[in-house]
Amino acid sequence: MSDRTIYIIDRIVLRPGTARAFIDAYMSEYAPGARERGLTLDRILVSPPAWIDGENNIVTATWTVSGPRNWWAAAVEGRHDPAPARWWESVAAMIVERTRSMASAAEDVEGLCNV
């Protein structure tokens, strides 16, 4: 069903001392393009919830999109636009590792399978 929310979850482990600069860049440089592709920023989480010298922070950015059609449209647009890849490359020195996953509420999975 098209009204089911799909979550796109970016989990980024950052080098010590870089989380604040990364978040600033993510919000000002990456987020506008993601919004143009149809994604809605749900939240940015920082773990641990403190800036501790000498320790990594993990930033988890959660985006939402309504239904598989919009998810595929955003994914295809992102793959054909070199700007997101260039942006990730520009901040690579700050990153220890990063992953992206997709999820939905358990009660929405069945409906998302029937597209």
C-alpha atoms as a PDB file:
ATOM      1  CA  MET A   1       0.000   0.000   0.000  1.00  0.00           C
ATOM      2  CA  SER A   2       1.251   3.444  -0.842  1.00  0.00           C
ATOM      3  CA  ASP A   3       0.470   4.957   2.556  1.00  0.00           C
ATOM      4  CA  ARG A   4       2.882   2.695   4.458  1.00  0.00           C
ATOM      5  CA  THR A   5       5.911   4.521   5.849  1.00  0.00           C
ATOM      6  CA  ILE A   6       9.337   3.267   4.849  1.00  0.00           C
ATOM      7  CA  TYR A   7      12.286   4.385   6.966  1.00  0.00           C
ATOM      8  CA  ILE A   8      15.725   4.955   5.465  1.00  0.00           C
ATOM      9  CA  ILE A   9      18.318   4.752   8.235  1.00  0.00           C
ATOM     10  CA  ASP A  10      21.839   6.095   7.832  1.00  0.00           C
ATOM     11  CA  ARG A  11      24.181   5.003  10.632  1.00  0.00           C
ATOM     12  CA  ILE A  12      27.535   6.785  10.548  1.00  0.00           C
ATOM     13  CA  VAL A  13      30.405   6.095  12.951  1.00  0.00           C
ATOM     14  CA  LEU A  14      32.500   9.246  13.084  1.00  0.00           C
ATOM     15  CA  ARG A  15      36.082   9.843  14.055  1.00  0.00           C
ATOM     16  CA  PRO A  16      36.613  11.556  17.407  1.00  0.00           C
ATOM     17  CA  GLY A  17      35.910  15.268  17.310  1.00  0.00           C
ATOM     18  CA  THR A  18      34.136  15.302  13.932  1.00  0.00           C
ATOM     19  CA  ALA A  19      30.475  14.681  14.793  1.00  0.00           C
ATOM     20  CA  ARG A  20      29.403  18.298  15.139  1.00  0.00           C
ATOM     21  CA  ALA A  21      31.030  19.309  11.846  1.00  0.00           C
ATOM     22  CA  PHE A  22      29.559  16.227  10.149  1.00  0.00           C
ATOM     23  CA  ILE A  23      26.030  17.008  11.376  1.00  0.00           C
ATOM     24  CA  ASP A  24      26.359  20.622  10.234  1.00  0.00           C
ATOM     25  CA  ALA A  25      27.495  19.489   6.771  1.00  0.00           C
ATOM     26  CA  TYR A  26      24.838  16.763   6.600  1.00  0.00           C
ATOM     27  CA  MET A  27      22.060  19.216   7.400  1.00  0.00           C
ATOM     28  CA  SER A  28      23.263  22.048   5.174  1.00  0.00           C
ATOM     29  CA  GLU A  29      24.708  20.107   2.225  1.00  0.00           C
ATOM     30  CA  TYR A  30      23.205  16.603   2.092  1.00  0.00           C
ATOM     31  CA  ALA A  31      19.699  17.046   3.543  1.00  0.00           C
ATOM     32  CA  PRO A  32      18.398  19.562   0.964  1.00  0.00           C
ATOM     33  CA  GLY A  33      19.060  17.127  -1.889  1.00  0.00           C
ATOM     34  CA  ALA A  34      17.464  14.256   0.012  1.00  0.00           C
ATOM     35  CA  ARG A  35      14.381  16.395   0.555  1.00  0.00           C
ATOM     36  CA  GLU A  36      14.300  17.202  -3.173  1.00  0.00           C
ATOM     37  CA  ARG A  37      14.315  13.450  -3.858  1.00  0.00           C
ATOM     38  CA  GLY A  38      11.156  13.154  -1.740  1.00  0.00           C
ATOM     39  CA  LEU A  39      12.560  12.085   1.622  1.00  0.00           C
ATOM     40  CA  THR A  40      11.440  13.606   4.919  1.00  0.00           C
ATOM     41  CA  LEU A  41      13.914  13.844   7.777  1.00  0.00           C
ATOM     42  CA  ASP A  42      12.437  12.147  10.829  1.00  0.00           C
ATOM     43  CA  ARG A  43      15.320  12.638  13.262  1.00  0.00           C
ATOM     44  CA  ILE A  44      19.056  12.795  13.866  1.00  0.00           C
ATOM     45  CA  LEU A  45      20.323  10.863  16.885  1.00  0.00           C
ATOM     46  CA  VAL A  46      23.806  11.099  18.409  1.00  0.00           C
ATOM     47  CA  SER A  47      25.319   8.320  20.487  1.00  0.00           C
ATOM     48  CA  PRO A  48      26.687   8.664  23.030  1.00  0.00           C
ATOM     49  CA  PRO A  49      24.655  11.792  23.738  1.00  0.00           C
ATOM     50  CA  ALA A  50      27.765  13.794  24.574  1.00  0.00           C
ATOM     51  CA  TRP A  51      30.809  15.262  22.833  1.00  0.00           C
ATOM     52  CA  ILE A  52      33.658  13.333  24.457  1.00  0.00           C
ATOM     53  CA  ASP A  53      37.202  14.113  23.323  1.00  0.00           C
ATOM     54  CA  GLY A  54      38.926  11.073  21.929  1.00  0.00           C
ATOM     55  CA  GLU A  55      35.764   8.980  21.399  1.00  0.00           C
ATOM     56  CA  ASN A  56      33.729   8.215  18.318  1.00  0.00           C
ATOM     57  CA  ASN A  57      30.166   9.414  18.006  1.00  0.00           C
ATOM     58  CA  ILE A  58      27.569   7.508  16.043  1.00  0.00           C
ATOM     59  CA  VAL A  59      25.083   9.603  14.118  1.00  0.00           C
ATOM     60  CA  THR A  60      21.851   7.930  13.080  1.00  0.00           C
ATOM     61  CA  ALA A  61      19.764   9.863  10.573  1.00  0.00           C
ATOM     62  CA  THR A  62      16.291   8.512   9.930  1.00  0.00           C
ATOM     63  CA  TRP A  63      14.396   9.562   6.836  1.00  0.00           C
ATOM     64  CA  THR A  64      10.870   8.585   5.835  1.00  0.00           C
ATOM     65  CA  VAL A  65       9.080   8.127   2.559  1.00  0.00           C
ATOM     66  CA  SER A  66       5.496   7.076   1.930  1.00  0.00           C
ATOM     67  CA  GLY A  67       5.185   3.720   0.220  1.00  0.00           C
ATOM     68  CA  PRO A  68       7.252   1.662  -2.191  1.00  0.00           C
ATOM     69  CA  ARG A  69       6.555   3.807  -5.255  1.00  0.00           C
ATOM     70  CA  ASN A  70       8.016   6.909  -3.597  1.00  0.00           C
ATOM     71  CA  TRP A  71      10.867   4.890  -2.091  1.00  0.00           C
ATOM     72  CA  TRP A  72      11.841   3.534  -5.509  1.00  0.00           C
ATOM     73  CA  ALA A  73      11.536   6.984  -7.100  1.00  0.00           C
ATOM     74  CA  ALA A  74      13.870   8.489  -4.488  1.00  0.00           C
ATOM     75  CA  ALA A  75      16.311   5.578  -4.772  1.00  0.00           C
ATOM     76  CA  VAL A  76      16.486   5.733  -8.563  1.00  0.00           C
ATOM     77  CA  GLU A  77      16.888   9.508  -8.560  1.00  0.00           C
ATOM     78  CA  GLY A  78      19.701   9.247  -6.002  1.00  0.00           C
ATOM     79  CA  ARG A  79      21.493   6.606  -8.044  1.00  0.00           C
ATOM     80  CA  HIS A  80      21.385   8.736 -11.186  1.00  0.00           C
ATOM     81  CA  ASP A  81      22.470  11.920  -9.443  1.00  0.00           C
ATOM     82  CA  PRO A  82      26.236  12.087  -8.791  1.00  0.00           C
ATOM     83  CA  ALA A  83      25.828  14.777  -6.091  1.00  0.00           C
ATOM     84  CA  PRO A  84      25.066  12.411  -3.156  1.00  0.00           C
ATOM     85  CA  ALA A  85      28.083  10.204  -3.928  1.00  0.00           C
ATOM     86  CA  ARG A  86      30.297  13.268  -4.274  1.00  0.00           C
ATOM     87  CA  TRP A  87      29.032  14.585  -0.937  1.00  0.00           C
ATOM     88  CA  TRP A  88      29.760  11.300   0.864  1.00  0.00           C
ATOM     89  CA  GLU A  89      33.229  11.331  -0.699  1.00  0.00           C
ATOM     90  CA  SER A  90      33.800  14.890   0.554  1.00  0.00           C
ATOM     91  CA  VAL A  91      33.195  13.846   4.183  1.00  0.00           C
ATOM     92  CA  ALA A  92      34.915  10.447   3.977  1.00  0.00           C
ATOM     93  CA  ALA A  93      37.833  11.564   6.165  1.00  0.00           C
ATOM     94  CA  MET A  94      35.404  12.031   9.082  1.00  0.00           C
ATOM     95  CA  ILE A  95      33.846   8.589   8.753  1.00  0.00           C
ATOM     96  CA  VAL A  96      35.012   5.321  10.287  1.00  0.00           C
ATOM     97  CA  GLU A  97      32.124   3.370   8.772  1.00  0.00           C
ATOM     98  CA  ARG A  98      28.615   3.911   7.522  1.00  0.00           C
ATOM     99  CA  THR A  99      25.604   1.798   6.681  1.00  0.00           C
ATOM    100  CA  ARG A 100      22.196   2.434   5.202  1.00  0.00           C
ATOM    101  CA  SER A 101      19.210   0.214   5.862  1.00  0.00           C
ATOM    102  CA  MET A 102      15.498   0.323   5.150  1.00  0.00           C
ATOM    103  CA  ALA A 103      12.742  -0.634   7.560  1.00  0.00           C
ATOM    104  CA  SER A 104       9.045  -0.364   8.254  1.00  0.00           C
ATOM    105  CA  ALA A 105       6.709  -0.972  11.128  1.00  0.00           C
ATOM    106  CA  ALA A 106       6.072  -4.704  11.571  1.00  0.00           C
ATOM    107  CA  GLU A 107       2.361  -4.272  10.869  1.00  0.00           C
ATOM    108  CA  ASP A 108       3.164  -2.617   7.509  1.00  0.00           C
ATOM    109  CA  VAL A 109       5.409  -5.336   6.063  1.00  0.00           C
ATOM    110  CA  GLU A 110       2.592  -7.460   4.622  1.00  0.00           C
ATOM    111  CA  GLY A 111       1.077  -4.469   2.831  1.00  0.00           C
ATOM    112  CA  LEU A 112       4.454  -3.441   1.480  1.00  0.00           C
ATOM    113  CA  CYS A 113       4.958  -6.916   0.019  1.00  0.00           C
ATOM    114  CA  ASN A 114       1.782  -6.604  -2.044  1.00  0.00           C
ATOM    115  CA  VAL A 115       2.768  -3.918  -4.521  1.00  0.00           C
END
